[in-house]
Amino acid sequence: MYKKCPLCKRKLYQNGWFDERGVVEYINECHNKDCTGYKHHWYYGTTELKVGEFEVSFLDHGYLKAEDKLIAKNNWKEFKQQVKKHKVQMLIK
């Protein structure tokens, strides 16, 4: 089953890469030209998130130090707020 863009509700481009350890990279990205831009990309423990002009990259895996966990938590929180903000902007268009 494919995922839909949380902003424009169109189908996301999705891909993933694996090796003997399991998933090493995946990407969910909106290629709709009318969308403000959505991307969730994870590779080797690093997460990249993008919504509109907001873009952030940070460590996000199971072996984080406390300070990195806090950074990841705050980045995910801001990303979710940006998604909500851009959803409203897409409705206004």
PDB file of N, CA and C in Angstrom:
ATOM      1  N   MET A   1       0.842  -1.190   0.000  1.00  0.00           N
ATOM      2  CA  MET A   1       0.000   0.000   0.000  1.00  0.00           C
ATOM      3  C   MET A   1       0.882   1.247   0.000  1.00  0.00           C
ATOM      4  N   TYR A   2       0.524   2.209  -0.796  1.00  0.00           N
ATOM      5  CA  TYR A   2       1.310   3.426  -0.854  1.00  0.00           C
ATOM      6  C   TYR A   2       0.818   4.452   0.166  1.00  0.00           C
ATOM      7  N   LYS A   3       1.704   5.338   0.530  1.00  0.00           N
ATOM      8  CA  LYS A   3       1.355   6.410   1.443  1.00  0.00           C
ATOM      9  C   LYS A   3       0.995   7.643   0.645  1.00  0.00           C
ATOM     10  N   LYS A   4       0.177   8.488   1.253  1.00  0.00           N
ATOM     11  CA  LYS A   4      -0.196   9.750   0.634  1.00  0.00           C
ATOM     12  C   LYS A   4       0.544  10.893   1.311  1.00  0.00           C
ATOM     13  N   CYS A   5       0.807  11.915   0.542  1.00  0.00           N
ATOM     14  CA  CYS A   5       1.436  13.117   1.081  1.00  0.00           C
ATOM     15  C   CYS A   5       0.503  13.735   2.113  1.00  0.00           C
ATOM     16  N   PRO A   6       0.998  14.062   3.306  1.00  0.00           N
ATOM     17  CA  PRO A   6       0.136  14.669   4.318  1.00  0.00           C
ATOM     18  C   PRO A   6      -0.300  16.083   3.944  1.00  0.00           C
ATOM     19  N   LEU A   7       0.338  16.682   2.943  1.00  0.00           N
ATOM     20  CA  LEU A   7      -0.003  18.046   2.545  1.00  0.00           C
ATOM     21  C   LEU A   7      -1.033  18.079   1.423  1.00  0.00           C
ATOM     22  N   CYS A   8      -0.738  17.390   0.321  1.00  0.00           N
ATOM     23  CA  CYS A   8      -1.609  17.475  -0.858  1.00  0.00           C
ATOM     24  C   CYS A   8      -2.451  16.220  -1.083  1.00  0.00           C
ATOM     25  N   LYS A   9      -2.192  15.170  -0.323  1.00  0.00           N
ATOM     26  CA  LYS A   9      -2.927  13.893  -0.379  1.00  0.00           C
ATOM     27  C   LYS A   9      -2.684  13.100  -1.654  1.00  0.00           C
ATOM     28  N   ARG A  10      -1.684  13.471  -2.439  1.00  0.00           N
ATOM     29  CA  ARG A  10      -1.326  12.688  -3.619  1.00  0.00           C
ATOM     30  C   ARG A  10      -0.325  11.603  -3.218  1.00  0.00           C
ATOM     31  N   LYS A  11      -0.124  10.656  -4.096  1.00  0.00           N
ATOM     32  CA  LYS A  11       0.775   9.534  -3.832  1.00  0.00           C
ATOM     33  C   LYS A  11       2.215  10.019  -3.648  1.00  0.00           C
ATOM     34  N   LEU A  12       2.877   9.486  -2.611  1.00  0.00           N
ATOM     35  CA  LEU A  12       4.285   9.801  -2.363  1.00  0.00           C
ATOM     36  C   LEU A  12       5.180   8.877  -3.176  1.00  0.00           C
ATOM     37  N   TYR A  13       6.310   9.420  -3.617  1.00  0.00           N
ATOM     38  CA  TYR A  13       7.374   8.574  -4.156  1.00  0.00           C
ATOM     39  C   TYR A  13       7.964   7.850  -2.960  1.00  0.00           C
ATOM     40  N   GLN A  14       8.087   6.543  -3.058  1.00  0.00           N
ATOM     41  CA  GLN A  14       8.648   5.749  -1.967  1.00  0.00           C
ATOM     42  C   GLN A  14       9.686   4.785  -2.519  1.00  0.00           C
ATOM     43  N   ASN A  15      10.781   4.643  -1.783  1.00  0.00           N
ATOM     44  CA  ASN A  15      11.784   3.668  -2.152  1.00  0.00           C
ATOM     45  C   ASN A  15      12.543   3.266  -0.893  1.00  0.00           C
ATOM     46  N   GLY A  16      13.136   2.107  -0.916  1.00  0.00           N
ATOM     47  CA  GLY A  16      13.913   1.627   0.210  1.00  0.00           C
ATOM     48  C   GLY A  16      15.036   0.737  -0.265  1.00  0.00           C
ATOM     49  N   TRP A  17      16.097   0.693   0.505  1.00  0.00           N
ATOM     50  CA  TRP A  17      17.250  -0.120   0.158  1.00  0.00           C
ATOM     51  C   TRP A  17      17.615  -0.976   1.363  1.00  0.00           C
ATOM     52  N   PHE A  18      18.033  -2.190   1.090  1.00  0.00           N
ATOM     53  CA  PHE A  18      18.288  -3.180   2.125  1.00  0.00           C
ATOM     54  C   PHE A  18      19.650  -3.830   1.911  1.00  0.00           C
ATOM     55  N   ASP A  19      20.205  -4.345   2.989  1.00  0.00           N
ATOM     56  CA  ASP A  19      21.365  -5.223   2.887  1.00  0.00           C
ATOM     57  C   ASP A  19      21.158  -6.363   3.870  1.00  0.00           C
ATOM     58  N   GLU A  20      22.199  -7.129   4.162  1.00  0.00           N
ATOM     59  CA  GLU A  20      22.057  -8.294   5.047  1.00  0.00           C
ATOM     60  C   GLU A  20      21.621  -7.921   6.465  1.00  0.00           C
ATOM     61  N   ARG A  21      21.787  -6.657   6.861  1.00  0.00           N
ATOM     62  CA  ARG A  21      21.370  -6.204   8.197  1.00  0.00           C
ATOM     63  C   ARG A  21      19.919  -5.746   8.232  1.00  0.00           C
ATOM     64  N   GLY A  22      19.318  -5.533   7.066  1.00  0.00           N
ATOM     65  CA  GLY A  22      17.941  -5.052   6.989  1.00  0.00           C
ATOM     66  C   GLY A  22      17.876  -3.735   6.235  1.00  0.00           C
ATOM     67  N   VAL A  23      16.948  -2.887   6.632  1.00  0.00           N
ATOM     68  CA  VAL A  23      16.753  -1.601   5.955  1.00  0.00           C
ATOM     69  C   VAL A  23      17.936  -0.690   6.259  1.00  0.00           C
ATOM     70  N   VAL A  24      18.521  -0.125   5.205  1.00  0.00           N
ATOM     71  CA  VAL A  24      19.625   0.822   5.390  1.00  0.00           C
ATOM     72  C   VAL A  24      19.251   2.225   4.941  1.00  0.00           C
ATOM     73  N   GLU A  25      18.161   2.318   4.175  1.00  0.00           N
ATOM     74  CA  GLU A  25      17.722   3.631   3.720  1.00  0.00           C
ATOM     75  C   GLU A  25      16.295   3.533   3.193  1.00  0.00           C
ATOM     76  N   TYR A  26      15.492   4.578   3.446  1.00  0.00           N
ATOM     77  CA  TYR A  26      14.188   4.690   2.809  1.00  0.00           C
ATOM     78  C   TYR A  26      13.864   6.162   2.617  1.00  0.00           C
ATOM     79  N   ILE A  27      12.989   6.406   1.643  1.00  0.00           N
ATOM     80  CA  ILE A  27      12.590   7.776   1.353  1.00  0.00           C
ATOM     81  C   ILE A  27      11.106   7.817   1.013  1.00  0.00           C
ATOM     82  N   ASN A  28      10.432   8.817   1.535  1.00  0.00           N
ATOM     83  CA  ASN A  28       9.058   9.156   1.196  1.00  0.00           C
ATOM     84  C   ASN A  28       9.088  10.628   0.805  1.00  0.00           C
ATOM     85  N   GLU A  29       8.757  10.925  -0.448  1.00  0.00           N
ATOM     86  CA  GLU A  29       8.886  12.298  -0.935  1.00  0.00           C
ATOM     87  C   GLU A  29       7.759  12.610  -1.913  1.00  0.00           C
ATOM     88  N   CYS A  30       7.227  13.822  -1.809  1.00  0.00           N
ATOM     89  CA  CYS A  30       6.175  14.264  -2.715  1.00  0.00           C
ATOM     90  C   CYS A  30       6.807  14.950  -3.918  1.00  0.00           C
ATOM     91  N   HIS A  31       6.429  14.484  -5.112  1.00  0.00           N
ATOM     92  CA  HIS A  31       6.926  15.079  -6.353  1.00  0.00           C
ATOM     93  C   HIS A  31       5.859  15.907  -7.061  1.00  0.00           C
ATOM     94  N   ASN A  32       4.740  16.150  -6.375  1.00  0.00           N
ATOM     95  CA  ASN A  32       3.659  16.950  -6.948  1.00  0.00           C
ATOM     96  C   ASN A  32       4.113  18.406  -7.046  1.00  0.00           C
ATOM     97  N   LYS A  33       4.101  18.967  -8.249  1.00  0.00           N
ATOM     98  CA  LYS A  33       4.580  20.340  -8.449  1.00  0.00           C
ATOM     99  C   LYS A  33       3.714  21.380  -7.741  1.00  0.00           C
ATOM    100  N   ASP A  34       2.474  21.039  -7.419  1.00  0.00           N
ATOM    101  CA  ASP A  34       1.589  21.986  -6.731  1.00  0.00           C
ATOM    102  C   ASP A  34       1.721  21.927  -5.212  1.00  0.00           C
ATOM    103  N   CYS A  35       2.499  20.984  -4.724  1.00  0.00           N
ATOM    104  CA  CYS A  35       2.686  20.813  -3.279  1.00  0.00           C
ATOM    105  C   CYS A  35       3.813  21.735  -2.789  1.00  0.00           C
ATOM    106  N   THR A  36       3.767  22.109  -1.522  1.00  0.00           N
ATOM    107  CA  THR A  36       4.825  22.959  -0.967  1.00  0.00           C
ATOM    108  C   THR A  36       6.089  22.164  -0.651  1.00  0.00           C
ATOM    109  N   GLY A  37       6.033  20.856  -0.777  1.00  0.00           N
ATOM    110  CA  GLY A  37       7.215  20.018  -0.596  1.00  0.00           C
ATOM    111  C   GLY A  37       7.223  19.246   0.699  1.00  0.00           C
ATOM    112  N   TYR A  38       7.267  17.924   0.598  1.00  0.00           N
ATOM    113  CA  TYR A  38       7.319  17.042   1.762  1.00  0.00           C
ATOM    114  C   TYR A  38       8.375  15.982   1.497  1.00  0.00           C
ATOM    115  N   LYS A  39       9.213  15.739   2.492  1.00  0.00           N
ATOM    116  CA  LYS A  39      10.226  14.682   2.374  1.00  0.00           C
ATOM    117  C   LYS A  39      10.546  14.110   3.750  1.00  0.00           C
ATOM    118  N   HIS A  40      10.571  12.789   3.825  1.00  0.00           N
ATOM    119  CA  HIS A  40      11.022  12.061   5.010  1.00  0.00           C
ATOM    120  C   HIS A  40      12.017  11.029   4.506  1.00  0.00           C
ATOM    121  N   HIS A  41      13.273  11.246   4.822  1.00  0.00           N
ATOM    122  CA  HIS A  41      14.346  10.402   4.307  1.00  0.00           C
ATOM    123  C   HIS A  41      15.167   9.909   5.497  1.00  0.00           C
ATOM    124  N   TRP A  42      15.336   8.596   5.609  1.00  0.00           N
ATOM    125  CA  TRP A  42      16.143   8.005   6.686  1.00  0.00           C
ATOM    126  C   TRP A  42      17.227   7.152   6.053  1.00  0.00           C
ATOM    127  N   TYR A  43      18.446   7.319   6.520  1.00  0.00           N
ATOM    128  CA  TYR A  43      19.549   6.505   6.026  1.00  0.00           C
ATOM    129  C   TYR A  43      20.599   6.338   7.112  1.00  0.00           C
ATOM    130  N   TYR A  44      20.948   5.095   7.370  1.00  0.00           N
ATOM    131  CA  TYR A  44      22.010   4.740   8.323  1.00  0.00           C
ATOM    132  C   TYR A  44      21.939   5.527   9.638  1.00  0.00           C
ATOM    133  N   GLY A  45      20.745   5.703  10.176  1.00  0.00           N
ATOM    134  CA  GLY A  45      20.582   6.369  11.469  1.00  0.00           C
ATOM    135  C   GLY A  45      20.419   7.867  11.408  1.00  0.00           C
ATOM    136  N   THR A  46      20.378   8.440  10.226  1.00  0.00           N
ATOM    137  CA  THR A  46      20.177   9.879  10.074  1.00  0.00           C
ATOM    138  C   THR A  46      18.815  10.119   9.436  1.00  0.00           C
ATOM    139  N   THR A  47      18.071  11.065   9.978  1.00  0.00           N
ATOM    140  CA  THR A  47      16.777  11.433   9.432  1.00  0.00           C
ATOM    141  C   THR A  47      16.857  12.823   8.824  1.00  0.00           C
ATOM    142  N   GLU A  48      16.299  12.959   7.630  1.00  0.00           N
ATOM    143  CA  GLU A  48      16.137  14.268   6.987  1.00  0.00           C
ATOM    144  C   GLU A  48      14.648  14.503   6.805  1.00  0.00           C
ATOM    145  N   LEU A  49      14.187  15.660   7.263  1.00  0.00           N
ATOM    146  CA  LEU A  49      12.784  16.029   7.138  1.00  0.00           C
ATOM    147  C   LEU A  49      12.687  17.364   6.412  1.00  0.00           C
ATOM    148  N   LYS A  50      11.687  17.484   5.542  1.00  0.00           N
ATOM    149  CA  LYS A  50      11.502  18.736   4.822  1.00  0.00           C
ATOM    150  C   LYS A  50      10.020  18.979   4.605  1.00  0.00           C
ATOM    151  N   VAL A  51       9.597  20.194   4.897  1.00  0.00           N
ATOM    152  CA  VAL A  51       8.258  20.673   4.584  1.00  0.00           C
ATOM    153  C   VAL A  51       8.415  22.135   4.211  1.00  0.00           C
ATOM    154  N   GLY A  52       8.088  22.478   2.966  1.00  0.00           N
ATOM    155  CA  GLY A  52       8.257  23.861   2.524  1.00  0.00           C
ATOM    156  C   GLY A  52       9.692  24.311   2.705  1.00  0.00           C
ATOM    157  N   GLU A  53       9.881  25.435   3.390  1.00  0.00           N
ATOM    158  CA  GLU A  53      11.223  25.970   3.636  1.00  0.00           C
ATOM    159  C   GLU A  53      11.909  25.324   4.843  1.00  0.00           C
ATOM    160  N   PHE A  54      11.135  24.638   5.681  1.00  0.00           N
ATOM    161  CA  PHE A  54      11.690  23.972   6.858  1.00  0.00           C
ATOM    162  C   PHE A  54      12.415  22.711   6.434  1.00  0.00           C
ATOM    163  N   GLU A  55      13.673  22.595   6.818  1.00  0.00           N
ATOM    164  CA  GLU A  55      14.460  21.409   6.502  1.00  0.00           C
ATOM    165  C   GLU A  55      15.437  21.154   7.644  1.00  0.00           C
ATOM    166  N   VAL A  56      15.504  19.899   8.101  1.00  0.00           N
ATOM    167  CA  VAL A  56      16.381  19.560   9.213  1.00  0.00           C
ATOM    168  C   VAL A  56      16.928  18.149   9.011  1.00  0.00           C
ATOM    169  N   SER A  57      18.150  17.934   9.496  1.00  0.00           N
ATOM    170  CA  SER A  57      18.807  16.638   9.439  1.00  0.00           C
ATOM    171  C   SER A  57      19.366  16.346  10.834  1.00  0.00           C
ATOM    172  N   PHE A  58      19.153  15.122  11.336  1.00  0.00           N
ATOM    173  CA  PHE A  58      19.603  14.787  12.686  1.00  0.00           C
ATOM    174  C   PHE A  58      19.726  13.283  12.852  1.00  0.00           C
ATOM    175  N   LEU A  59      20.476  12.867  13.875  1.00  0.00           N
ATOM    176  CA  LEU A  59      20.600  11.447  14.217  1.00  0.00           C
ATOM    177  C   LEU A  59      19.287  10.962  14.803  1.00  0.00           C
ATOM    178  N   ASP A  60      18.866   9.765  14.391  1.00  0.00           N
ATOM    179  CA  ASP A  60      17.605   9.212  14.891  1.00  0.00           C
ATOM    180  C   ASP A  60      17.657   7.690  14.756  1.00  0.00           C
ATOM    181  N   HIS A  61      18.192   7.045  15.787  1.00  0.00           N
ATOM    182  CA  HIS A  61      18.292   5.585  15.792  1.00  0.00           C
ATOM    183  C   HIS A  61      18.210   5.092  17.229  1.00  0.00           C
ATOM    184  N   GLY A  62      18.340   3.814  17.431  1.00  0.00           N
ATOM    185  CA  GLY A  62      18.113   3.199  18.734  1.00  0.00           C
ATOM    186  C   GLY A  62      19.208   3.371  19.774  1.00  0.00           C
ATOM    187  N   TYR A  63      20.337   3.953  19.406  1.00  0.00           N
ATOM    188  CA  TYR A  63      21.464   4.036  20.342  1.00  0.00           C
ATOM    189  C   TYR A  63      21.898   5.481  20.592  1.00  0.00           C
ATOM    190  N   LEU A  64      20.935   6.363  20.763  1.00  0.00           N
ATOM    191  CA  LEU A  64      21.242   7.779  20.948  1.00  0.00           C
ATOM    192  C   LEU A  64      21.567   8.112  22.394  1.00  0.00           C
ATOM    193  N   LYS A  65      22.429   9.110  22.573  1.00  0.00           N
ATOM    194  CA  LYS A  65      22.678   9.680  23.893  1.00  0.00           C
ATOM    195  C   LYS A  65      21.469  10.534  24.250  1.00  0.00           C
ATOM    196  N   ALA A  66      21.334  10.869  25.528  1.00  0.00           N
ATOM    197  CA  ALA A  66      20.181  11.635  26.009  1.00  0.00           C
ATOM    198  C   ALA A  66      20.024  12.960  25.265  1.00  0.00           C
ATOM    199  N   GLU A  67      21.127  13.665  25.028  1.00  0.00           N
ATOM    200  CA  GLU A  67      21.033  14.968  24.348  1.00  0.00           C
ATOM    201  C   GLU A  67      20.582  14.799  22.896  1.00  0.00           C
ATOM    202  N   ASP A  68      21.018  13.726  22.228  1.00  0.00           N
ATOM    203  CA  ASP A  68      20.592  13.475  20.854  1.00  0.00           C
ATOM    204  C   ASP A  68      19.121  13.065  20.797  1.00  0.00           C
ATOM    205  N   LYS A  69      18.663  12.332  21.818  1.00  0.00           N
ATOM    206  CA  LYS A  69      17.244  11.964  21.894  1.00  0.00           C
ATOM    207  C   LYS A  69      16.376  13.208  22.001  1.00  0.00           C
ATOM    208  N   LEU A  70      16.825  14.175  22.802  1.00  0.00           N
ATOM    209  CA  LEU A  70      16.083  15.424  22.965  1.00  0.00           C
ATOM    210  C   LEU A  70      16.056  16.211  21.655  1.00  0.00           C
ATOM    211  N   ILE A  71      17.180  16.260  20.964  1.00  0.00           N
ATOM    212  CA  ILE A  71      17.246  16.943  19.666  1.00  0.00           C
ATOM    213  C   ILE A  71      16.275  16.290  18.694  1.00  0.00           C
ATOM    214  N   ALA A  72      16.299  14.962  18.626  1.00  0.00           N
ATOM    215  CA  ALA A  72      15.407  14.237  17.720  1.00  0.00           C
ATOM    216  C   ALA A  72      13.950  14.510  18.080  1.00  0.00           C
ATOM    217  N   LYS A  73      13.625  14.456  19.354  1.00  0.00           N
ATOM    218  CA  LYS A  73      12.251  14.697  19.810  1.00  0.00           C
ATOM    219  C   LYS A  73      11.785  16.098  19.408  1.00  0.00           C
ATOM    220  N   ASN A  74      12.627  17.103  19.627  1.00  0.00           N
ATOM    221  CA  ASN A  74      12.274  18.481  19.282  1.00  0.00           C
ATOM    222  C   ASN A  74      12.141  18.670  17.771  1.00  0.00           C
ATOM    223  N   ASN A  75      13.013  18.028  16.999  1.00  0.00           N
ATOM    224  CA  ASN A  75      12.925  18.131  15.540  1.00  0.00           C
ATOM    225  C   ASN A  75      11.642  17.491  15.008  1.00  0.00           C
ATOM    226  N   TRP A  76      11.284  16.322  15.552  1.00  0.00           N
ATOM    227  CA  TRP A  76      10.033  15.685  15.135  1.00  0.00           C
ATOM    228  C   TRP A  76       8.829  16.552  15.502  1.00  0.00           C
ATOM    229  N   LYS A  77       8.870  17.169  16.672  1.00  0.00           N
ATOM    230  CA  LYS A  77       7.772  18.043  17.103  1.00  0.00           C
ATOM    231  C   LYS A  77       7.623  19.229  16.157  1.00  0.00           C
ATOM    232  N   GLU A  78       8.733  19.871  15.815  1.00  0.00           N
ATOM    233  CA  GLU A  78       8.697  21.011  14.894  1.00  0.00           C
ATOM    234  C   GLU A  78       8.229  20.572  13.509  1.00  0.00           C
ATOM    235  N   PHE A  79       8.678  19.413  13.057  1.00  0.00           N
ATOM    236  CA  PHE A  79       8.264  18.893  11.758  1.00  0.00           C
ATOM    237  C   PHE A  79       6.746  18.699  11.713  1.00  0.00           C
ATOM    238  N   LYS A  80       6.181  18.113  12.744  1.00  0.00           N
ATOM    239  CA  LYS A  80       4.736  17.893  12.794  1.00  0.00           C
ATOM    240  C   LYS A  80       3.973  19.217  12.795  1.00  0.00           C
ATOM    241  N   GLN A  81       4.506  20.228  13.490  1.00  0.00           N
ATOM    242  CA  GLN A  81       3.883  21.555  13.491  1.00  0.00           C
ATOM    243  C   GLN A  81       3.947  22.171  12.091  1.00  0.00           C
ATOM    244  N   GLN A  82       5.070  21.988  11.403  1.00  0.00           N
ATOM    245  CA  GLN A  82       5.220  22.516  10.046  1.00  0.00           C
ATOM    246  C   GLN A  82       4.257  21.815   9.078  1.00  0.00           C
ATOM    247  N   VAL A  83       4.064  20.515   9.251  1.00  0.00           N
ATOM    248  CA  VAL A  83       3.115  19.789   8.411  1.00  0.00           C
ATOM    249  C   VAL A  83       1.723  20.376   8.593  1.00  0.00           C
ATOM    250  N   LYS A  84       1.311  20.604   9.840  1.00  0.00           N
ATOM    251  CA  LYS A  84      -0.008  21.196  10.108  1.00  0.00           C
ATOM    252  C   LYS A  84      -0.127  22.573   9.469  1.00  0.00           C
ATOM    253  N   LYS A  85       0.902  23.392   9.620  1.00  0.00           N
ATOM    254  CA  LYS A  85       0.917  24.746   9.057  1.00  0.00           C
ATOM    255  C   LYS A  85       0.776  24.695   7.531  1.00  0.00           C
ATOM    256  N   HIS A  86       1.509  23.808   6.887  1.00  0.00           N
ATOM    257  CA  HIS A  86       1.478  23.724   5.430  1.00  0.00           C
ATOM    258  C   HIS A  86       0.198  23.084   4.918  1.00  0.00           C
ATOM    259  N   LYS A  87      -0.433  22.230   5.702  1.00  0.00           N
ATOM    260  CA  LYS A  87      -1.732  21.689   5.326  1.00  0.00           C
ATOM    261  C   LYS A  87      -2.746  22.817   5.176  1.00  0.00           C
ATOM    262  N   VAL A  88      -2.730  23.727   6.145  1.00  0.00           N
ATOM    263  CA  VAL A  88      -3.634  24.878   6.106  1.00  0.00           C
ATOM    264  C   VAL A  88      -3.331  25.744   4.883  1.00  0.00           C
ATOM    265  N   GLN A  89      -2.070  25.982   4.598  1.00  0.00           N
ATOM    266  CA  GLN A  89      -1.691  26.776   3.429  1.00  0.00           C
ATOM    267  C   GLN A  89      -2.148  26.118   2.137  1.00  0.00           C
ATOM    268  N   MET A  90      -2.076  24.788   2.068  1.00  0.00           N
ATOM    269  CA  MET A  90      -2.519  24.075   0.867  1.00  0.00           C
ATOM    270  C   MET A  90      -4.041  24.208   0.686  1.00  0.00           C
ATOM    271  N   LEU A  91      -4.780  24.240   1.800  1.00  0.00           N
ATOM    272  CA  LEU A  91      -6.242  24.393   1.728  1.00  0.00           C
ATOM    273  C   LEU A  91      -6.634  25.773   1.236  1.00  0.00           C
ATOM    274  N   ILE A  92      -5.839  26.773   1.598  1.00  0.00           N
ATOM    275  CA  ILE A  92      -6.137  28.155   1.223  1.00  0.00           C
ATOM    276  C   ILE A  92      -5.902  28.381  -0.264  1.00  0.00           C
ATOM    277  N   LYS A  93      -4.953  27.661  -0.852  1.00  0.00           N
ATOM    278  CA  LYS A  93      -4.612  27.842  -2.281  1.00  0.00           C
ATOM    279  C   LYS A  93      -5.788  27.646  -3.194  1.00  0.00           C
TER     280      LYS A  93
END
